[in-house]
Amino acid sequence: MRVATAIRTKLEAALAPDSLEVIDESHHHAGHAGAREEGESHFRVEVVSSAFEGQTASPASA
C-alpha cells in the first residue's frame, strides 16, 4: 500500500472528515535527512472534521 493511501485510510477511519487532502511534498525534501529515494517521505495533510469541533488552534497553526 502506498504511504499516501495508508495516511488517507487511517485519517478517514479516525476522523470521518468533511474534507481531506493528503499532499505528497517529498520532492521538496530530496536529499534531506529522512527523504527516501522513491519518495513518499514528506506529506502535508489538511483535514476538516467535526471531530475538531470545540478545539482551539495551536499558535503554530493559527
Protein backbone atom coordinates (compact mmCIF):
# COMPACT_ATOMS: atom_id res chain seq x y z
CA MET A 1 0.00 0.00 0.00
CA ARG A 2 1.28 3.45 -0.84
CA VAL A 3 2.06 5.71 2.11
CA ALA A 4 -0.43 8.38 1.00
CA THR A 5 -3.18 5.77 0.78
CA ALA A 6 -2.38 4.48 4.28
CA ILE A 7 -2.46 8.01 5.70
CA ARG A 8 -5.79 8.73 3.99
CA THR A 9 -7.33 5.43 5.15
CA LYS A 10 -6.32 5.94 8.79
CA LEU A 11 -7.49 9.56 8.93
CA GLU A 12 -10.82 8.72 7.29
CA ALA A 13 -11.42 5.94 9.83
CA ALA A 14 -10.41 8.05 12.83
CA LEU A 15 -11.95 11.42 11.95
CA ALA A 16 -14.71 10.92 9.36
CA PRO A 17 -13.54 14.14 7.69
CA ASP A 18 -15.73 16.53 5.74
CA SER A 19 -12.64 17.37 3.71
CA LEU A 20 -9.27 15.63 3.50
CA GLU A 21 -6.23 16.38 1.38
CA VAL A 22 -3.03 14.35 1.56
CA ILE A 23 -0.36 16.13 -0.45
CA ASP A 24 2.96 14.43 -1.19
CA GLU A 25 5.64 17.09 -0.79
CA SER A 26 8.58 14.68 -0.91
CA HIS A 27 10.06 16.40 -3.95
CA HIS A 28 10.70 19.47 -1.75
CA HIS A 29 12.83 17.36 0.60
CA ALA A 30 15.04 15.42 -1.81
CA GLY A 31 18.45 14.97 -0.23
CA HIS A 32 17.25 15.86 3.29
CA ALA A 33 17.51 13.53 6.27
CA GLY A 34 14.65 11.05 6.20
CA ALA A 35 13.94 11.55 2.50
CA ARG A 36 13.62 8.29 0.61
CA GLU A 37 14.85 7.95 -2.95
CA GLU A 38 11.48 6.56 -4.05
CA GLY A 39 9.61 9.48 -2.45
CA GLU A 40 6.57 9.31 -0.18
CA SER A 41 8.51 10.56 2.84
CA HIS A 42 7.05 14.03 3.46
CA PHE A 43 3.36 14.92 3.39
CA ARG A 44 1.14 17.90 4.12
CA VAL A 45 -2.30 16.96 5.40
CA GLU A 46 -5.32 19.25 5.53
CA VAL A 47 -8.30 17.94 7.48
CA VAL A 48 -11.72 19.44 8.14
CA SER A 49 -13.74 17.34 10.54
CA SER A 50 -16.46 17.82 13.14
CA ALA A 51 -14.15 15.75 15.40
CA PHE A 52 -12.25 19.02 15.93
CA GLU A 53 -15.34 21.00 16.93
CA GLY A 54 -14.71 22.95 20.12
CA GLN A 55 -10.92 22.62 19.77
CA THR A 56 -8.68 25.65 19.57
CA ALA A 57 -5.85 26.07 17.08
CA SER A 58 -2.30 25.89 18.39
CA PRO A 59 -0.21 29.07 17.93
CA ALA A 60 1.89 27.33 15.26
CA SER A 61 -1.12 26.66 13.02
CA ALA A 62 -3.20 29.74 13.75
